[in-house]
Amino acid sequence: MPQISGQKRTKEIAIRVSEDELAELKKRQQGTTMAGWMRDLGLGVTPMKPADPELVRALGRIGSNLNQVTKHVNIDKSIDESVLEQIKAIRATINALLDNHLRGEP
């Protein structure tokens, strides 16, 4: 989280936890520092999920398909029904991938 109004962080908070609690906290922090994660959690910042490499690859393939459709439209200077259907299919695929990612599904 960005610092509030540019203030320097000079105050420190210490907490004690058990071994099991520490293990659980480390499992939940997901790719950030413990201090940053706990600060964000305490300040109500919604954590971002780490990027799913398979989702990134799938979106890259979709982007490539969309570029091909765009090139076709730019060359022909017209859009026929098949191109519109391809765009609708691409949009539906993107929405499905994002919905699955947000639900934690593959």
PDB file of N, CA and C in Angstrom:
ATOM      1  N   MET A   1       0.850  -1.184   0.000  1.00  0.00           N
ATOM      2  CA  MET A   1       0.000   0.000   0.000  1.00  0.00           C
ATOM      3  C   MET A   1       0.884   1.231   0.000  1.00  0.00           C
ATOM      4  N   PRO A   2       0.539   2.224  -0.785  1.00  0.00           N
ATOM      5  CA  PRO A   2       1.309   3.464  -0.758  1.00  0.00           C
ATOM      6  C   PRO A   2       1.197   4.132   0.605  1.00  0.00           C
ATOM      7  N   GLN A   3       2.233   4.843   0.966  1.00  0.00           N
ATOM      8  CA  GLN A   3       2.209   5.538   2.243  1.00  0.00           C
ATOM      9  C   GLN A   3       1.159   6.639   2.217  1.00  0.00           C
ATOM     10  N   ILE A   4       0.487   6.813   3.341  1.00  0.00           N
ATOM     11  CA  ILE A   4      -0.539   7.842   3.463  1.00  0.00           C
ATOM     12  C   ILE A   4       0.135   9.204   3.487  1.00  0.00           C
ATOM     13  N   SER A   5      -0.254  10.066   2.581  1.00  0.00           N
ATOM     14  CA  SER A   5       0.249  11.442   2.433  1.00  0.00           C
ATOM     15  C   SER A   5       1.768  11.553   2.548  1.00  0.00           C
ATOM     16  N   GLY A   6       2.475  10.564   2.010  1.00  0.00           N
ATOM     17  CA  GLY A   6       3.927  10.638   1.930  1.00  0.00           C
ATOM     18  C   GLY A   6       4.654  10.562   3.259  1.00  0.00           C
ATOM     19  N   GLN A   7       3.961  10.227   4.322  1.00  0.00           N
ATOM     20  CA  GLN A   7       4.607  10.168   5.627  1.00  0.00           C
ATOM     21  C   GLN A   7       5.606   9.012   5.669  1.00  0.00           C
ATOM     22  N   LYS A   8       6.715   9.241   6.333  1.00  0.00           N
ATOM     23  CA  LYS A   8       7.715   8.204   6.509  1.00  0.00           C
ATOM     24  C   LYS A   8       7.226   7.236   7.590  1.00  0.00           C
ATOM     25  N   ARG A   9       7.443   5.976   7.363  1.00  0.00           N
ATOM     26  CA  ARG A   9       7.026   4.963   8.343  1.00  0.00           C
ATOM     27  C   ARG A   9       8.121   4.830   9.402  1.00  0.00           C
ATOM     28  N   THR A  10       7.841   5.357  10.580  1.00  0.00           N
ATOM     29  CA  THR A  10       8.842   5.348  11.646  1.00  0.00           C
ATOM     30  C   THR A  10       8.406   4.527  12.852  1.00  0.00           C
ATOM     31  N   LYS A  11       7.148   4.142  12.913  1.00  0.00           N
ATOM     32  CA  LYS A  11       6.629   3.414  14.067  1.00  0.00           C
ATOM     33  C   LYS A  11       6.668   1.916  13.795  1.00  0.00           C
ATOM     34  N   GLU A  12       6.933   1.156  14.839  1.00  0.00           N
ATOM     35  CA  GLU A  12       7.050  -0.290  14.713  1.00  0.00           C
ATOM     36  C   GLU A  12       6.045  -0.962  15.636  1.00  0.00           C
ATOM     37  N   ILE A  13       5.448  -2.046  15.152  1.00  0.00           N
ATOM     38  CA  ILE A  13       4.514  -2.838  15.950  1.00  0.00           C
ATOM     39  C   ILE A  13       5.068  -4.254  16.012  1.00  0.00           C
ATOM     40  N   ALA A  14       5.112  -4.833  17.205  1.00  0.00           N
ATOM     41  CA  ALA A  14       5.579  -6.214  17.371  1.00  0.00           C
ATOM     42  C   ALA A  14       4.443  -7.052  17.939  1.00  0.00           C
ATOM     43  N   ILE A  15       4.317  -8.273  17.442  1.00  0.00           N
ATOM     44  CA  ILE A  15       3.309  -9.194  17.983  1.00  0.00           C
ATOM     45  C   ILE A  15       3.972 -10.544  18.233  1.00  0.00           C
ATOM     46  N   ARG A  16       3.386 -11.298  19.121  1.00  0.00           N
ATOM     47  CA  ARG A  16       3.878 -12.650  19.401  1.00  0.00           C
ATOM     48  C   ARG A  16       2.847 -13.649  18.886  1.00  0.00           C
ATOM     49  N   VAL A  17       3.352 -14.693  18.253  1.00  0.00           N
ATOM     50  CA  VAL A  17       2.492 -15.756  17.738  1.00  0.00           C
ATOM     51  C   VAL A  17       3.141 -17.099  18.046  1.00  0.00           C
ATOM     52  N   SER A  18       2.331 -18.152  18.016  1.00  0.00           N
ATOM     53  CA  SER A  18       2.863 -19.501  18.217  1.00  0.00           C
ATOM     54  C   SER A  18       3.488 -19.996  16.907  1.00  0.00           C
ATOM     55  N   GLU A  19       4.189 -21.123  16.972  1.00  0.00           N
ATOM     56  CA  GLU A  19       4.778 -21.716  15.761  1.00  0.00           C
ATOM     57  C   GLU A  19       3.697 -22.019  14.727  1.00  0.00           C
ATOM     58  N   ASP A  20       2.574 -22.591  15.187  1.00  0.00           N
ATOM     59  CA  ASP A  20       1.480 -22.926  14.266  1.00  0.00           C
ATOM     60  C   ASP A  20       0.875 -21.671  13.645  1.00  0.00           C
ATOM     61  N   GLU A  21       0.704 -20.632  14.460  1.00  0.00           N
ATOM     62  CA  GLU A  21       0.159 -19.377  13.934  1.00  0.00           C
ATOM     63  C   GLU A  21       1.106 -18.761  12.904  1.00  0.00           C
ATOM     64  N   LEU A  22       2.409 -18.802  13.196  1.00  0.00           N
ATOM     65  CA  LEU A  22       3.389 -18.255  12.260  1.00  0.00           C
ATOM     66  C   LEU A  22       3.350 -19.015  10.934  1.00  0.00           C
ATOM     67  N   ALA A  23       3.257 -20.338  11.017  1.00  0.00           N
ATOM     68  CA  ALA A  23       3.183 -21.144   9.793  1.00  0.00           C
ATOM     69  C   ALA A  23       1.945 -20.777   8.981  1.00  0.00           C
ATOM     70  N   GLU A  24       0.824 -20.591   9.654  1.00  0.00           N
ATOM     71  CA  GLU A  24      -0.418 -20.220   8.959  1.00  0.00           C
ATOM     72  C   GLU A  24      -0.307 -18.822   8.347  1.00  0.00           C
ATOM     73  N   LEU A  25       0.273 -17.885   9.075  1.00  0.00           N
ATOM     74  CA  LEU A  25       0.453 -16.531   8.543  1.00  0.00           C
ATOM     75  C   LEU A  25       1.360 -16.544   7.312  1.00  0.00           C
ATOM     76  N   LYS A  26       2.444 -17.312   7.360  1.00  0.00           N
ATOM     77  CA  LYS A  26       3.355 -17.395   6.212  1.00  0.00           C
ATOM     78  C   LYS A  26       2.654 -18.007   5.001  1.00  0.00           C
ATOM     79  N   LYS A  27       1.784 -18.977   5.266  1.00  0.00           N
ATOM     80  CA  LYS A  27       1.044 -19.615   4.172  1.00  0.00           C
ATOM     81  C   LYS A  27       0.093 -18.624   3.510  1.00  0.00           C
ATOM     82  N   ARG A  28      -0.491 -17.740   4.292  1.00  0.00           N
ATOM     83  CA  ARG A  28      -1.483 -16.790   3.776  1.00  0.00           C
ATOM     84  C   ARG A  28      -0.881 -15.541   3.144  1.00  0.00           C
ATOM     85  N   GLN A  29       0.359 -15.201   3.453  1.00  0.00           N
ATOM     86  CA  GLN A  29       0.916 -13.928   2.981  1.00  0.00           C
ATOM     87  C   GLN A  29       1.135 -13.888   1.474  1.00  0.00           C
ATOM     88  N   GLN A  30       1.277 -15.001   0.812  1.00  0.00           N
ATOM     89  CA  GLN A  30       1.309 -15.120  -0.649  1.00  0.00           C
ATOM     90  C   GLN A  30       2.186 -14.110  -1.378  1.00  0.00           C
ATOM     91  N   GLY A  31       3.476 -14.300  -1.324  1.00  0.00           N
ATOM     92  CA  GLY A  31       4.378 -13.562  -2.195  1.00  0.00           C
ATOM     93  C   GLY A  31       4.678 -12.124  -1.835  1.00  0.00           C
ATOM     94  N   THR A  32       4.386 -11.696  -0.641  1.00  0.00           N
ATOM     95  CA  THR A  32       4.730 -10.343  -0.218  1.00  0.00           C
ATOM     96  C   THR A  32       5.464 -10.443   1.117  1.00  0.00           C
ATOM     97  N   THR A  33       5.957  -9.340   1.617  1.00  0.00           N
ATOM     98  CA  THR A  33       6.611  -9.384   2.922  1.00  0.00           C
ATOM     99  C   THR A  33       5.545  -9.520   4.002  1.00  0.00           C
ATOM    100  N   MET A  34       5.942 -10.101   5.112  1.00  0.00           N
ATOM    101  CA  MET A  34       5.002 -10.258   6.226  1.00  0.00           C
ATOM    102  C   MET A  34       4.525  -8.889   6.699  1.00  0.00           C
ATOM    103  N   ALA A  35       5.440  -7.934   6.824  1.00  0.00           N
ATOM    104  CA  ALA A  35       5.066  -6.597   7.302  1.00  0.00           C
ATOM    105  C   ALA A  35       4.095  -5.926   6.339  1.00  0.00           C
ATOM    106  N   GLY A  36       4.399  -5.983   5.053  1.00  0.00           N
ATOM    107  CA  GLY A  36       3.518  -5.365   4.057  1.00  0.00           C
ATOM    108  C   GLY A  36       2.150  -6.013   4.032  1.00  0.00           C
ATOM    109  N   TRP A  37       2.130  -7.344   4.106  1.00  0.00           N
ATOM    110  CA  TRP A  37       0.863  -8.070   4.089  1.00  0.00           C
ATOM    111  C   TRP A  37       0.022  -7.721   5.318  1.00  0.00           C
ATOM    112  N   MET A  38       0.644  -7.728   6.507  1.00  0.00           N
ATOM    113  CA  MET A  38      -0.102  -7.436   7.734  1.00  0.00           C
ATOM    114  C   MET A  38      -0.573  -5.978   7.757  1.00  0.00           C
ATOM    115  N   ARG A  39       0.253  -5.064   7.255  1.00  0.00           N
ATOM    116  CA  ARG A  39      -0.145  -3.657   7.190  1.00  0.00           C
ATOM    117  C   ARG A  39      -1.361  -3.506   6.269  1.00  0.00           C
ATOM    118  N   ASP A  40      -1.292  -4.114   5.079  1.00  0.00           N
ATOM    119  CA  ASP A  40      -2.415  -4.040   4.142  1.00  0.00           C
ATOM    120  C   ASP A  40      -3.671  -4.661   4.740  1.00  0.00           C
ATOM    121  N   LEU A  41      -3.512  -5.800   5.393  1.00  0.00           N
ATOM    122  CA  LEU A  41      -4.651  -6.474   6.014  1.00  0.00           C
ATOM    123  C   LEU A  41      -5.272  -5.593   7.091  1.00  0.00           C
ATOM    124  N   GLY A  42      -4.435  -4.999   7.931  1.00  0.00           N
ATOM    125  CA  GLY A  42      -4.928  -4.139   8.998  1.00  0.00           C
ATOM    126  C   GLY A  42      -5.575  -2.858   8.507  1.00  0.00           C
ATOM    127  N   LEU A  43      -5.107  -2.354   7.356  1.00  0.00           N
ATOM    128  CA  LEU A  43      -5.657  -1.112   6.809  1.00  0.00           C
ATOM    129  C   LEU A  43      -6.790  -1.359   5.814  1.00  0.00           C
ATOM    130  N   GLY A  44      -7.168  -2.622   5.658  1.00  0.00           N
ATOM    131  CA  GLY A  44      -8.316  -2.938   4.808  1.00  0.00           C
ATOM    132  C   GLY A  44      -8.042  -2.928   3.315  1.00  0.00           C
ATOM    133  N   VAL A  45      -6.773  -3.069   2.933  1.00  0.00           N
ATOM    134  CA  VAL A  45      -6.435  -3.109   1.510  1.00  0.00           C
ATOM    135  C   VAL A  45      -6.766  -4.497   0.975  1.00  0.00           C
ATOM    136  N   THR A  46      -7.502  -4.559  -0.121  1.00  0.00           N
ATOM    137  CA  THR A  46      -7.840  -5.842  -0.723  1.00  0.00           C
ATOM    138  C   THR A  46      -6.606  -6.391  -1.427  1.00  0.00           C
ATOM    139  N   PRO A  47      -6.145  -7.582  -1.009  1.00  0.00           N
ATOM    140  CA  PRO A  47      -4.936  -8.123  -1.633  1.00  0.00           C
ATOM    141  C   PRO A  47      -5.201  -8.580  -3.062  1.00  0.00           C
ATOM    142  N   MET A  48      -4.219  -8.387  -3.920  1.00  0.00           N
ATOM    143  CA  MET A  48      -4.320  -8.873  -5.291  1.00  0.00           C
ATOM    144  C   MET A  48      -3.833 -10.314  -5.322  1.00  0.00           C
ATOM    145  N   LYS A  49      -4.550 -11.146  -6.064  1.00  0.00           N
ATOM    146  CA  LYS A  49      -4.107 -12.521  -6.226  1.00  0.00           C
ATOM    147  C   LYS A  49      -2.888 -12.530  -7.141  1.00  0.00           C
ATOM    148  N   PRO A  50      -1.946 -13.440  -6.865  1.00  0.00           N
ATOM    149  CA  PRO A  50      -0.807 -13.534  -7.772  1.00  0.00           C
ATOM    150  C   PRO A  50      -1.272 -13.957  -9.169  1.00  0.00           C
ATOM    151  N   ALA A  51      -0.573 -13.501 -10.179  1.00  0.00           N
ATOM    152  CA  ALA A  51      -0.940 -13.848 -11.554  1.00  0.00           C
ATOM    153  C   ALA A  51      -0.772 -15.347 -11.773  1.00  0.00           C
ATOM    154  N   ASP A  52      -1.754 -15.949 -12.404  1.00  0.00           N
ATOM    155  CA  ASP A  52      -1.718 -17.364 -12.747  1.00  0.00           C
ATOM    156  C   ASP A  52      -1.025 -17.494 -14.103  1.00  0.00           C
ATOM    157  N   PRO A  53       0.130 -18.178 -14.159  1.00  0.00           N
ATOM    158  CA  PRO A  53       0.868 -18.265 -15.425  1.00  0.00           C
ATOM    159  C   PRO A  53       0.033 -18.846 -16.568  1.00  0.00           C
ATOM    160  N   GLU A  54      -0.802 -19.833 -16.293  1.00  0.00           N
ATOM    161  CA  GLU A  54      -1.641 -20.420 -17.346  1.00  0.00           C
ATOM    162  C   GLU A  54      -2.662 -19.405 -17.848  1.00  0.00           C
ATOM    163  N   LEU A  55      -3.214 -18.612 -16.943  1.00  0.00           N
ATOM    164  CA  LEU A  55      -4.164 -17.572 -17.344  1.00  0.00           C
ATOM    165  C   LEU A  55      -3.468 -16.524 -18.213  1.00  0.00           C
ATOM    166  N   VAL A  56      -2.257 -16.160 -17.837  1.00  0.00           N
ATOM    167  CA  VAL A  56      -1.503 -15.179 -18.621  1.00  0.00           C
ATOM    168  C   VAL A  56      -1.242 -15.711 -20.025  1.00  0.00           C
ATOM    169  N   ARG A  57      -0.863 -17.001 -20.132  1.00  0.00           N
ATOM    170  CA  ARG A  57      -0.632 -17.601 -21.453  1.00  0.00           C
ATOM    171  C   ARG A  57      -1.916 -17.633 -22.271  1.00  0.00           C
ATOM    172  N   ALA A  58      -3.028 -18.018 -21.624  1.00  0.00           N
ATOM    173  CA  ALA A  58      -4.313 -18.078 -22.334  1.00  0.00           C
ATOM    174  C   ALA A  58      -4.722 -16.696 -22.832  1.00  0.00           C
ATOM    175  N   LEU A  59      -4.546 -15.688 -22.001  1.00  0.00           N
ATOM    176  CA  LEU A  59      -4.882 -14.330 -22.433  1.00  0.00           C
ATOM    177  C   LEU A  59      -3.965 -13.865 -23.566  1.00  0.00           C
ATOM    178  N   GLY A  60      -2.718 -14.316 -23.563  1.00  0.00           N
ATOM    179  CA  GLY A  60      -1.805 -13.993 -24.656  1.00  0.00           C
ATOM    180  C   GLY A  60      -2.272 -14.595 -25.973  1.00  0.00           C
ATOM    181  N   ARG A  61      -2.749 -15.849 -25.918  1.00  0.00           N
ATOM    182  CA  ARG A  61      -3.268 -16.493 -27.131  1.00  0.00           C
ATOM    183  C   ARG A  61      -4.510 -15.767 -27.630  1.00  0.00           C
ATOM    184  N   ILE A  62      -5.363 -15.383 -26.697  1.00  0.00           N
ATOM    185  CA  ILE A  62      -6.578 -14.659 -27.075  1.00  0.00           C
ATOM    186  C   ILE A  62      -6.215 -13.312 -27.691  1.00  0.00           C
ATOM    187  N   GLY A  63      -5.246 -12.637 -27.097  1.00  0.00           N
ATOM    188  CA  GLY A  63      -4.808 -11.355 -27.646  1.00  0.00           C
ATOM    189  C   GLY A  63      -4.275 -11.504 -29.062  1.00  0.00           C
ATOM    190  N   SER A  64      -3.559 -12.590 -29.305  1.00  0.00           N
ATOM    191  CA  SER A  64      -3.046 -12.854 -30.650  1.00  0.00           C
ATOM    192  C   SER A  64      -4.196 -13.046 -31.634  1.00  0.00           C
ATOM    193  N   ASN A  65      -5.209 -13.811 -31.223  1.00  0.00           N
ATOM    194  CA  ASN A  65      -6.386 -14.005 -32.085  1.00  0.00           C
ATOM    195  C   ASN A  65      -7.087 -12.680 -32.352  1.00  0.00           C
ATOM    196  N   LEU A  66      -7.203 -11.874 -31.333  1.00  0.00           N
ATOM    197  CA  LEU A  66      -7.866 -10.578 -31.495  1.00  0.00           C
ATOM    198  C   LEU A  66      -7.077  -9.675 -32.450  1.00  0.00           C
ATOM    199  N   ASN A  67      -5.752  -9.743 -32.371  1.00  0.00           N
ATOM    200  CA  ASN A  67      -4.927  -8.968 -33.304  1.00  0.00           C
ATOM    201  C   ASN A  67      -5.152  -9.415 -34.745  1.00  0.00           C
ATOM    202  N   GLN A  68      -5.319 -10.717 -34.950  1.00  0.00           N
ATOM    203  CA  GLN A  68      -5.580 -11.221 -36.300  1.00  0.00           C
ATOM    204  C   GLN A  68      -6.920 -10.710 -36.820  1.00  0.00           C
ATOM    205  N   VAL A  69      -7.926 -10.710 -35.951  1.00  0.00           N
ATOM    206  CA  VAL A  69      -9.242 -10.200 -36.343  1.00  0.00           C
ATOM    207  C   VAL A  69      -9.138  -8.711 -36.677  1.00  0.00           C
ATOM    208  N   THR A  70      -8.425  -7.963 -35.850  1.00  0.00           N
ATOM    209  CA  THR A  70      -8.256  -6.524 -36.077  1.00  0.00           C
ATOM    210  C   THR A  70      -7.543  -6.255 -37.402  1.00  0.00           C
ATOM    211  N   LYS A  71      -6.517  -7.046 -37.684  1.00  0.00           N
ATOM    212  CA  LYS A  71      -5.791  -6.887 -38.951  1.00  0.00           C
ATOM    213  C   LYS A  71      -6.737  -7.118 -40.130  1.00  0.00           C
ATOM    214  N   HIS A  72      -7.561  -8.150 -40.034  1.00  0.00           N
ATOM    215  CA  HIS A  72      -8.524  -8.458 -41.093  1.00  0.00           C
ATOM    216  C   HIS A  72      -9.481  -7.283 -41.310  1.00  0.00           C
ATOM    217  N   VAL A  73      -9.986  -6.731 -40.226  1.00  0.00           N
ATOM    218  CA  VAL A  73     -10.918  -5.601 -40.322  1.00  0.00           C
ATOM    219  C   VAL A  73     -10.219  -4.391 -40.940  1.00  0.00           C
ATOM    220  N   ASN A  74      -8.984  -4.132 -40.533  1.00  0.00           N
ATOM    221  CA  ASN A  74      -8.250  -2.982 -41.070  1.00  0.00           C
ATOM    222  C   ASN A  74      -7.951  -3.129 -42.562  1.00  0.00           C
ATOM    223  N   ILE A  75      -7.700  -4.345 -43.010  1.00  0.00           N
ATOM    224  CA  ILE A  75      -7.416  -4.575 -44.430  1.00  0.00           C
ATOM    225  C   ILE A  75      -8.689  -4.431 -45.259  1.00  0.00           C
ATOM    226  N   ASP A  76      -9.766  -5.060 -44.806  1.00  0.00           N
ATOM    227  CA  ASP A  76     -11.025  -5.058 -45.568  1.00  0.00           C
ATOM    228  C   ASP A  76     -11.864  -3.808 -45.344  1.00  0.00           C
ATOM    229  N   LYS A  77     -11.586  -3.073 -44.278  1.00  0.00           N
ATOM    230  CA  LYS A  77     -12.343  -1.863 -43.930  1.00  0.00           C
ATOM    231  C   LYS A  77     -13.837  -2.137 -43.741  1.00  0.00           C
ATOM    232  N   SER A  78     -14.149  -3.376 -43.416  1.00  0.00           N
ATOM    233  CA  SER A  78     -15.550  -3.714 -43.138  1.00  0.00           C
ATOM    234  C   SER A  78     -15.576  -4.848 -42.119  1.00  0.00           C
ATOM    235  N   ILE A  79     -16.707  -4.992 -41.480  1.00  0.00           N
ATOM    236  CA  ILE A  79     -16.877  -6.063 -40.505  1.00  0.00           C
ATOM    237  C   ILE A  79     -18.073  -6.895 -40.939  1.00  0.00           C
ATOM    238  N   ASP A  80     -17.823  -8.168 -41.220  1.00  0.00           N
ATOM    239  CA  ASP A  80     -18.957  -9.024 -41.556  1.00  0.00           C
ATOM    240  C   ASP A  80     -19.385  -9.805 -40.315  1.00  0.00           C
ATOM    241  N   GLU A  81     -20.436 -10.546 -40.460  1.00  0.00           N
ATOM    242  CA  GLU A  81     -21.033 -11.257 -39.319  1.00  0.00           C
ATOM    243  C   GLU A  81     -20.051 -12.245 -38.683  1.00  0.00           C
ATOM    244  N   SER A  82     -19.225 -12.912 -39.481  1.00  0.00           N
ATOM    245  CA  SER A  82     -18.286 -13.894 -38.922  1.00  0.00           C
ATOM    246  C   SER A  82     -17.252 -13.219 -38.018  1.00  0.00           C
ATOM    247  N   VAL A  83     -16.828 -12.023 -38.383  1.00  0.00           N
ATOM    248  CA  VAL A  83     -15.868 -11.285 -37.556  1.00  0.00           C
ATOM    249  C   VAL A  83     -16.515 -10.892 -36.234  1.00  0.00           C
ATOM    250  N   LEU A  84     -17.749 -10.427 -36.295  1.00  0.00           N
ATOM    251  CA  LEU A  84     -18.461 -10.080 -35.062  1.00  0.00           C
ATOM    252  C   LEU A  84     -18.625 -11.300 -34.164  1.00  0.00           C
ATOM    253  N   GLU A  85     -18.904 -12.453 -34.750  1.00  0.00           N
ATOM    254  CA  GLU A  85     -19.041 -13.685 -33.967  1.00  0.00           C
ATOM    255  C   GLU A  85     -17.712 -14.065 -33.319  1.00  0.00           C
ATOM    256  N   GLN A  86     -16.610 -13.881 -34.038  1.00  0.00           N
ATOM    257  CA  GLN A  86     -15.291 -14.163 -33.467  1.00  0.00           C
ATOM    258  C   GLN A  86     -15.001 -13.242 -32.286  1.00  0.00           C
ATOM    259  N   ILE A  87     -15.334 -11.982 -32.432  1.00  0.00           N
ATOM    260  CA  ILE A  87     -15.115 -11.023 -31.341  1.00  0.00           C
ATOM    261  C   ILE A  87     -15.965 -11.398 -30.127  1.00  0.00           C
ATOM    262  N   LYS A  88     -17.223 -11.785 -30.349  1.00  0.00           N
ATOM    263  CA  LYS A  88     -18.091 -12.211 -29.244  1.00  0.00           C
ATOM    264  C   LYS A  88     -17.522 -13.443 -28.555  1.00  0.00           C
ATOM    265  N   ALA A  89     -16.996 -14.387 -29.340  1.00  0.00           N
ATOM    266  CA  ALA A  89     -16.414 -15.602 -28.762  1.00  0.00           C
ATOM    267  C   ALA A  89     -15.176 -15.273 -27.935  1.00  0.00           C
ATOM    268  N   ILE A  90     -14.357 -14.369 -28.438  1.00  0.00           N
ATOM    269  CA  ILE A  90     -13.156 -13.957 -27.702  1.00  0.00           C
ATOM    270  C   ILE A  90     -13.548 -13.295 -26.385  1.00  0.00           C
ATOM    271  N   ARG A  91     -14.524 -12.418 -26.435  1.00  0.00           N
ATOM    272  CA  ARG A  91     -14.975 -11.736 -25.218  1.00  0.00           C
ATOM    273  C   ARG A  91     -15.531 -12.739 -24.206  1.00  0.00           C
ATOM    274  N   ALA A  92     -16.307 -13.715 -24.672  1.00  0.00           N
ATOM    275  CA  ALA A  92     -16.866 -14.732 -23.774  1.00  0.00           C
ATOM    276  C   ALA A  92     -15.756 -15.564 -23.139  1.00  0.00           C
ATOM    277  N   THR A  93     -14.728 -15.893 -23.915  1.00  0.00           N
ATOM    278  CA  THR A  93     -13.609 -16.669 -23.381  1.00  0.00           C
ATOM    279  C   THR A  93     -12.856 -15.879 -22.317  1.00  0.00           C
ATOM    280  N   ILE A  94     -12.606 -14.613 -22.583  1.00  0.00           N
ATOM    281  CA  ILE A  94     -11.922 -13.761 -21.599  1.00  0.00           C
ATOM    282  C   ILE A  94     -12.738 -13.680 -20.312  1.00  0.00           C
ATOM    283  N   ASN A  95     -14.035 -13.453 -20.436  1.00  0.00           N
ATOM    284  CA  ASN A  95     -14.894 -13.357 -19.247  1.00  0.00           C
ATOM    285  C   ASN A  95     -14.895 -14.657 -18.460  1.00  0.00           C
ATOM    286  N   ALA A  96     -14.949 -15.800 -19.155  1.00  0.00           N
ATOM    287  CA  ALA A  96     -14.942 -17.096 -18.470  1.00  0.00           C
ATOM    288  C   ALA A  96     -13.618 -17.320 -17.743  1.00  0.00           C
ATOM    289  N   LEU A  97     -12.501 -16.997 -18.396  1.00  0.00           N
ATOM    290  CA  LEU A  97     -11.193 -17.152 -17.756  1.00  0.00           C
ATOM    291  C   LEU A  97     -11.079 -16.288 -16.507  1.00  0.00           C
ATOM    292  N   LEU A  98     -11.514 -15.051 -16.611  1.00  0.00           N
ATOM    293  CA  LEU A  98     -11.429 -14.152 -15.458  1.00  0.00           C
ATOM    294  C   LEU A  98     -12.365 -14.587 -14.335  1.00  0.00           C
ATOM    295  N   ASP A  99     -13.577 -15.016 -14.669  1.00  0.00           N
ATOM    296  CA  ASP A  99     -14.510 -15.499 -13.648  1.00  0.00           C
ATOM    297  C   ASP A  99     -13.928 -16.705 -12.919  1.00  0.00           C
ATOM    298  N   ASN A 100     -13.380 -17.656 -13.672  1.00  0.00           N
ATOM    299  CA  ASN A 100     -12.778 -18.838 -13.060  1.00  0.00           C
ATOM    300  C   ASN A 100     -11.606 -18.454 -12.167  1.00  0.00           C
ATOM    301  N   HIS A 101     -10.783 -17.523 -12.619  1.00  0.00           N
ATOM    302  CA  HIS A 101      -9.630 -17.088 -11.825  1.00  0.00           C
ATOM    303  C   HIS A 101     -10.085 -16.443 -10.519  1.00  0.00           C
ATOM    304  N   LEU A 102     -11.100 -15.594 -10.597  1.00  0.00           N
ATOM    305  CA  LEU A 102     -11.582 -14.913  -9.394  1.00  0.00           C
ATOM    306  C   LEU A 102     -12.219 -15.888  -8.410  1.00  0.00           C
ATOM    307  N   ARG A 103     -12.794 -16.980  -8.915  1.00  0.00           N
ATOM    308  CA  ARG A 103     -13.375 -18.006  -8.042  1.00  0.00           C
ATOM    309  C   ARG A 103     -12.333 -19.007  -7.570  1.00  0.00           C
ATOM    310  N   GLY A 104     -11.110 -18.874  -8.077  1.00  0.00           N
ATOM    311  CA  GLY A 104     -10.045 -19.789  -7.679  1.00  0.00           C
ATOM    312  C   GLY A 104     -10.069 -21.103  -8.418  1.00  0.00           C
ATOM    313  N   GLU A 105     -10.762 -21.160  -9.544  1.00  0.00           N
ATOM    314  CA  GLU A 105     -10.847 -22.385 -10.336  1.00  0.00           C
ATOM    315  C   GLU A 105      -9.825 -22.328 -11.460  1.00  0.00           C
ATOM    316  N   PRO A 106      -9.390 -23.511 -11.938  1.00  0.00           N
ATOM    317  CA  PRO A 106      -8.424 -23.524 -13.056  1.00  0.00           C
ATOM    318  C   PRO A 106      -9.054 -23.099 -14.360  1.00  0.00           C
TER     319      PRO A 106
END
